[in-house]
């Protein structure tokens, strides 16, 4: 006897509570994404990749570099202690970990002290 009642209740619930429509695809042209959290709507900056001044690891050359500029899908990098810049594809770099960044900065400072810069 309970099975028909349960089926009827499920049918009514499906009839009056239709599934939510699918969310529209995000638009990459806007620098912020609109999210909904516990306290309402939030504007969250989109991840646009490395910005100038950040440290990244060039996986192709296995070198850490500071981003000097971004030109489309190419990044202009320079060693933390100074030197010749090089270009790397954005797909061949990853963000440097905190330990890698700190190590590169310490090497740069030690080199400046050693050579009187």
N, C-alpha and C. Protein backbone atom coordinates (compact mmCIF):
# COMPACT_ATOMS: atom_id res chain seq x y z
N UNK A 1 0.82 -1.20 0.00
CA UNK A 1 0.00 0.00 0.00
C UNK A 1 0.87 1.26 0.00
N UNK A 2 2.03 1.22 0.63
CA UNK A 2 2.86 2.42 0.71
C UNK A 2 3.56 2.72 -0.61
N UNK A 3 3.79 1.71 -1.43
CA UNK A 3 4.49 1.95 -2.68
C UNK A 3 3.73 2.89 -3.60
N UNK A 4 2.42 2.72 -3.81
CA UNK A 4 1.71 3.66 -4.68
C UNK A 4 1.72 5.09 -4.10
N UNK A 5 1.66 5.21 -2.80
CA UNK A 5 1.67 6.55 -2.19
C UNK A 5 3.04 7.21 -2.40
N UNK A 6 4.09 6.43 -2.21
CA UNK A 6 5.44 6.97 -2.42
C UNK A 6 5.62 7.37 -3.87
N UNK A 7 5.17 6.54 -4.81
CA UNK A 7 5.27 6.87 -6.22
C UNK A 7 4.49 8.14 -6.55
N UNK A 8 3.33 8.29 -5.96
CA UNK A 8 2.52 9.49 -6.22
C UNK A 8 3.22 10.73 -5.66
N UNK A 9 3.80 10.60 -4.47
CA UNK A 9 4.51 11.74 -3.89
C UNK A 9 5.73 12.13 -4.74
N UNK A 10 6.45 11.13 -5.20
CA UNK A 10 7.60 11.41 -6.06
C UNK A 10 7.17 12.06 -7.36
N UNK A 11 6.04 11.62 -7.91
CA UNK A 11 5.54 12.20 -9.14
C UNK A 11 5.15 13.66 -8.93
N UNK A 12 4.46 13.95 -7.81
CA UNK A 12 4.08 15.33 -7.52
C UNK A 12 5.31 16.21 -7.28
N UNK A 13 6.32 15.66 -6.58
CA UNK A 13 7.52 16.44 -6.33
C UNK A 13 8.23 16.77 -7.65
N UNK A 14 8.30 15.80 -8.55
CA UNK A 14 8.93 16.05 -9.84
C UNK A 14 8.11 17.03 -10.67
N UNK A 15 6.80 17.00 -10.51
CA UNK A 15 5.94 17.88 -11.29
C UNK A 15 6.07 19.33 -10.82
N UNK A 16 6.12 19.55 -9.52
CA UNK A 16 6.13 20.92 -9.00
C UNK A 16 7.54 21.44 -8.68
N UNK A 17 8.55 20.60 -8.70
CA UNK A 17 9.94 21.03 -8.49
C UNK A 17 10.79 20.58 -9.67
N UNK A 18 10.70 21.28 -10.78
CA UNK A 18 11.48 20.86 -11.94
C UNK A 18 12.98 21.07 -11.65
N UNK A 19 13.84 20.34 -12.35
CA UNK A 19 15.27 20.51 -12.12
C UNK A 19 15.72 21.92 -12.52
N UNK A 20 16.75 22.39 -11.85
CA UNK A 20 17.27 23.73 -12.14
C UNK A 20 17.90 23.76 -13.53
N UNK A 21 17.76 24.87 -14.25
CA UNK A 21 18.37 24.94 -15.57
C UNK A 21 19.89 24.95 -15.44
N UNK A 22 20.55 24.49 -16.49
CA UNK A 22 22.01 24.44 -16.48
C UNK A 22 22.57 25.86 -16.48
N UNK A 23 23.69 26.03 -15.79
CA UNK A 23 24.32 27.35 -15.71
C UNK A 23 24.93 27.70 -17.07
N UNK A 24 24.85 28.97 -17.47
CA UNK A 24 25.44 29.34 -18.75
C UNK A 24 26.97 29.23 -18.69
N UNK A 25 27.56 29.06 -19.84
CA UNK A 25 29.02 28.95 -19.92
C UNK A 25 29.65 30.28 -19.52
N UNK A 26 30.77 30.25 -18.79
CA UNK A 26 31.41 31.50 -18.38
C UNK A 26 31.97 32.24 -19.58
N UNK A 27 31.91 33.55 -19.50
CA UNK A 27 32.42 34.41 -20.57
C UNK A 27 33.84 34.80 -20.21
N UNK A 28 34.80 34.48 -21.04
CA UNK A 28 36.21 34.75 -20.75
C UNK A 28 36.57 36.21 -20.93
N UNK A 29 35.68 37.01 -21.52
CA UNK A 29 36.01 38.40 -21.78
C UNK A 29 35.96 39.25 -20.51
N UNK A 30 35.24 38.80 -19.49
CA UNK A 30 35.12 39.58 -18.27
C UNK A 30 36.20 39.19 -17.27
N UNK A 31 36.82 40.15 -16.59
CA UNK A 31 37.90 39.82 -15.67
C UNK A 31 37.41 39.24 -14.33
N UNK A 32 36.11 39.29 -14.07
CA UNK A 32 35.57 38.78 -12.82
C UNK A 32 34.51 37.73 -13.08
N UNK A 33 34.43 36.76 -12.16
CA UNK A 33 33.39 35.74 -12.22
C UNK A 33 32.40 36.00 -11.09
N UNK A 34 31.14 35.79 -11.35
CA UNK A 34 30.10 35.98 -10.36
C UNK A 34 29.79 34.63 -9.72
N UNK A 35 30.01 34.52 -8.43
CA UNK A 35 29.72 33.28 -7.71
C UNK A 35 28.71 33.56 -6.63
N UNK A 36 28.06 32.51 -6.15
CA UNK A 36 27.08 32.64 -5.09
C UNK A 36 27.57 31.86 -3.90
N UNK A 37 27.73 32.52 -2.77
CA UNK A 37 28.19 31.87 -1.56
C UNK A 37 27.18 31.99 -0.44
N UNK A 38 27.59 31.68 0.76
CA UNK A 38 26.70 31.69 1.92
C UNK A 38 26.22 33.10 2.25
N UNK A 39 26.99 34.12 1.87
CA UNK A 39 26.63 35.50 2.19
C UNK A 39 26.14 36.28 0.98
N UNK A 40 25.73 35.58 -0.05
CA UNK A 40 25.21 36.26 -1.23
C UNK A 40 26.14 36.13 -2.41
N UNK A 41 26.03 37.07 -3.34
CA UNK A 41 26.83 37.03 -4.55
C UNK A 41 28.22 37.59 -4.29
N UNK A 42 29.21 37.01 -4.95
CA UNK A 42 30.59 37.46 -4.82
C UNK A 42 31.19 37.67 -6.20
N UNK A 43 31.99 38.70 -6.35
CA UNK A 43 32.77 38.90 -7.57
C UNK A 43 34.18 38.40 -7.29
N UNK A 44 34.59 37.40 -8.04
CA UNK A 44 35.90 36.78 -7.85
C UNK A 44 36.73 37.04 -9.09
N UNK A 45 37.96 37.53 -8.94
CA UNK A 45 38.78 37.74 -10.13
C UNK A 45 39.10 36.42 -10.80
N UNK A 46 39.04 36.42 -12.12
CA UNK A 46 39.39 35.22 -12.88
C UNK A 46 40.90 35.04 -12.89
N UNK A 47 41.32 33.81 -12.95
CA UNK A 47 42.75 33.52 -13.05
C UNK A 47 43.17 33.76 -14.49
N UNK A 48 43.95 34.79 -14.69
CA UNK A 48 44.38 35.13 -16.04
C UNK A 48 45.81 34.72 -16.32
N UNK A 49 46.39 33.94 -15.43
CA UNK A 49 47.76 33.49 -15.63
C UNK A 49 48.73 34.37 -14.87
N UNK A 50 50.02 34.13 -15.10
CA UNK A 50 51.03 34.88 -14.35
C UNK A 50 51.02 36.36 -14.74
N UNK A 51 51.23 37.21 -13.76
CA UNK A 51 51.28 38.64 -14.02
C UNK A 51 52.72 39.12 -13.85
N UNK A 52 53.00 40.32 -14.29
CA UNK A 52 54.35 40.87 -14.22
C UNK A 52 54.79 40.94 -12.76
N UNK A 53 56.00 40.51 -12.50
CA UNK A 53 56.55 40.52 -11.15
C UNK A 53 56.45 39.19 -10.43
N UNK A 54 55.61 38.28 -10.91
CA UNK A 54 55.48 36.99 -10.24
C UNK A 54 56.59 36.05 -10.70
N UNK A 55 56.85 35.03 -9.92
CA UNK A 55 57.89 34.06 -10.23
C UNK A 55 57.26 32.79 -10.78
N UNK A 56 57.85 32.27 -11.85
CA UNK A 56 57.37 31.05 -12.48
C UNK A 56 58.57 30.15 -12.78
N UNK A 57 58.29 28.87 -13.02
CA UNK A 57 59.32 27.91 -13.40
C UNK A 57 59.09 27.55 -14.86
N UNK A 58 60.11 27.76 -15.68
CA UNK A 58 60.08 27.36 -17.08
C UNK A 58 60.40 25.88 -17.12
N UNK A 59 59.40 25.04 -17.36
CA UNK A 59 59.60 23.60 -17.32
C UNK A 59 60.41 23.10 -18.50
N UNK A 60 60.43 23.84 -19.58
CA UNK A 60 61.20 23.43 -20.75
C UNK A 60 62.70 23.56 -20.47
N UNK A 61 63.12 24.63 -19.81
CA UNK A 61 64.54 24.87 -19.50
C UNK A 61 64.89 24.53 -18.06
N UNK A 62 63.88 24.23 -17.26
CA UNK A 62 64.05 23.93 -15.83
C UNK A 62 64.75 25.08 -15.11
N UNK A 63 64.26 26.31 -15.36
CA UNK A 63 64.79 27.52 -14.72
C UNK A 63 63.66 28.29 -14.08
N UNK A 64 63.97 28.98 -12.98
CA UNK A 64 63.00 29.87 -12.36
C UNK A 64 63.23 31.26 -12.92
N UNK A 65 62.16 31.98 -13.17
CA UNK A 65 62.29 33.32 -13.72
C UNK A 65 61.21 34.24 -13.19
N UNK A 66 61.50 35.53 -13.22
CA UNK A 66 60.52 36.54 -12.84
C UNK A 66 59.87 37.06 -14.11
N UNK A 67 58.56 37.13 -14.11
CA UNK A 67 57.82 37.57 -15.29
C UNK A 67 58.03 39.08 -15.46
N UNK A 68 58.56 39.46 -16.60
CA UNK A 68 58.77 40.87 -16.91
C UNK A 68 57.65 41.43 -17.77
N UNK A 69 57.01 40.56 -18.53
CA UNK A 69 55.92 41.01 -19.39
C UNK A 69 55.20 39.81 -19.99
N UNK A 70 53.98 40.06 -20.42
CA UNK A 70 53.16 39.03 -21.04
C UNK A 70 52.75 39.54 -22.41
N UNK A 71 52.98 38.72 -23.43
CA UNK A 71 52.61 39.07 -24.79
C UNK A 71 51.82 37.90 -25.37
N UNK A 72 50.52 37.94 -25.19
CA UNK A 72 49.68 36.84 -25.66
C UNK A 72 49.97 35.57 -24.89
N UNK A 73 50.41 34.54 -25.60
CA UNK A 73 50.71 33.25 -24.97
C UNK A 73 52.19 33.13 -24.64
N UNK A 74 52.95 34.19 -24.79
CA UNK A 74 54.38 34.16 -24.49
C UNK A 74 54.69 35.06 -23.29
N UNK A 75 55.60 34.58 -22.45
CA UNK A 75 56.02 35.34 -21.27
C UNK A 75 57.48 35.74 -21.43
N UNK A 76 57.79 36.95 -21.02
CA UNK A 76 59.18 37.42 -21.02
C UNK A 76 59.69 37.23 -19.60
N UNK A 77 60.72 36.39 -19.42
CA UNK A 77 61.23 36.03 -18.11
C UNK A 77 62.67 36.50 -17.97
N UNK A 78 63.08 36.75 -16.74
CA UNK A 78 64.48 37.06 -16.45
C UNK A 78 64.87 36.34 -15.17
N UNK A 79 66.14 35.98 -15.04
CA UNK A 79 66.59 35.32 -13.81
C UNK A 79 66.42 36.26 -12.62
N UNK A 80 66.14 35.74 -11.44
CA UNK A 80 65.94 36.60 -10.26
C UNK A 80 67.18 37.43 -9.91
N UNK A 81 68.37 36.92 -10.20
CA UNK A 81 69.59 37.66 -9.88
C UNK A 81 69.98 38.62 -11.00
N UNK A 82 69.17 38.75 -12.02
CA UNK A 82 69.48 39.60 -13.16
C UNK A 82 70.13 38.78 -14.26
N UNK A 83 70.26 39.38 -15.40
CA UNK A 83 70.85 38.67 -16.53
C UNK A 83 69.98 38.80 -17.76
N UNK A 84 70.30 37.97 -18.75
CA UNK A 84 69.58 38.03 -20.02
C UNK A 84 68.17 37.47 -19.88
N UNK A 85 67.24 38.14 -20.50
CA UNK A 85 65.85 37.67 -20.46
C UNK A 85 65.65 36.62 -21.54
N UNK A 86 64.61 35.83 -21.39
CA UNK A 86 64.24 34.86 -22.40
C UNK A 86 62.74 34.80 -22.47
N UNK A 87 62.24 34.22 -23.55
CA UNK A 87 60.80 34.07 -23.73
C UNK A 87 60.42 32.61 -23.55
N UNK A 88 59.25 32.40 -22.97
CA UNK A 88 58.74 31.05 -22.77
C UNK A 88 57.25 31.04 -23.11
N UNK A 89 56.81 29.92 -23.61
CA UNK A 89 55.38 29.74 -23.89
C UNK A 89 54.64 29.60 -22.56
N UNK A 90 53.45 30.16 -22.50
CA UNK A 90 52.66 30.10 -21.26
C UNK A 90 52.31 28.67 -20.87
N UNK A 91 52.21 27.79 -21.85
CA UNK A 91 51.88 26.40 -21.54
C UNK A 91 53.07 25.64 -20.94
N UNK A 92 54.29 26.20 -21.08
CA UNK A 92 55.48 25.54 -20.56
C UNK A 92 55.95 26.11 -19.23
N UNK A 93 55.14 26.90 -18.57
CA UNK A 93 55.52 27.45 -17.27
C UNK A 93 54.48 27.05 -16.23
N UNK A 94 54.93 27.02 -14.99
CA UNK A 94 54.04 26.77 -13.87
C UNK A 94 54.41 27.76 -12.77
N UNK A 95 53.48 28.10 -11.90
CA UNK A 95 53.82 29.02 -10.80
C UNK A 95 54.88 28.40 -9.90
N UNK A 96 55.81 29.21 -9.45
CA UNK A 96 56.85 28.73 -8.54
C UNK A 96 56.25 28.51 -7.16
N UNK A 97 56.70 27.48 -6.49
CA UNK A 97 56.25 27.24 -5.12
C UNK A 97 56.91 28.27 -4.22
N UNK A 98 56.42 28.39 -3.02
CA UNK A 98 56.99 29.35 -2.08
C UNK A 98 58.46 29.06 -1.80
N UNK A 99 58.81 27.77 -1.70
CA UNK A 99 60.20 27.39 -1.43
C UNK A 99 61.10 27.74 -2.61
N UNK A 100 60.63 27.51 -3.84
CA UNK A 100 61.42 27.83 -5.02
C UNK A 100 61.63 29.34 -5.15
N UNK A 101 60.58 30.09 -4.88
CA UNK A 101 60.68 31.55 -4.97
C UNK A 101 61.64 32.10 -3.91
N UNK A 102 61.52 31.61 -2.69
CA UNK A 102 62.41 32.06 -1.62
C UNK A 102 63.86 31.70 -1.92
N UNK A 103 64.09 30.50 -2.41
CA UNK A 103 65.44 30.06 -2.75
C UNK A 103 66.05 30.95 -3.83
N UNK A 104 65.27 31.29 -4.84
CA UNK A 104 65.77 32.15 -5.91
C UNK A 104 66.09 33.55 -5.40
N UNK A 105 65.25 34.07 -4.52
CA UNK A 105 65.50 35.41 -3.97
C UNK A 105 66.75 35.42 -3.09
N UNK A 106 66.96 34.36 -2.30
CA UNK A 106 68.15 34.29 -1.45
C UNK A 106 69.40 34.19 -2.31
N UNK A 107 69.36 33.37 -3.37
CA UNK A 107 70.51 33.29 -4.27
C UNK A 107 70.82 34.64 -4.90
N UNK A 108 69.77 35.38 -5.26
CA UNK A 108 69.98 36.69 -5.87
C UNK A 108 70.64 37.65 -4.88
N UNK A 109 70.16 37.69 -3.65
CA UNK A 109 70.73 38.59 -2.64
C UNK A 109 72.17 38.19 -2.32
N UNK A 110 72.42 36.89 -2.20
CA UNK A 110 73.79 36.44 -1.93
C UNK A 110 74.72 36.82 -3.07
N UNK A 111 74.27 36.73 -4.29
CA UNK A 111 75.09 37.12 -5.44
C UNK A 111 75.37 38.60 -5.43
N UNK A 112 74.40 39.43 -5.02
CA UNK A 112 74.61 40.88 -4.98
C UNK A 112 75.66 41.23 -3.93
N UNK A 113 75.60 40.56 -2.79
CA UNK A 113 76.56 40.86 -1.73
C UNK A 113 77.96 40.41 -2.15
N UNK A 114 78.04 39.29 -2.83
CA UNK A 114 79.34 38.75 -3.22
C UNK A 114 80.01 39.63 -4.26
N UNK A 115 79.23 40.15 -5.20
CA UNK A 115 79.79 40.91 -6.30
C UNK A 115 79.61 42.40 -6.13
N UNK A 116 79.16 42.84 -4.98
CA UNK A 116 79.10 44.26 -4.67
C UNK A 116 78.04 45.05 -5.42
N UNK A 117 76.94 44.40 -5.78
CA UNK A 117 75.87 45.13 -6.47
C UNK A 117 74.96 45.81 -5.49
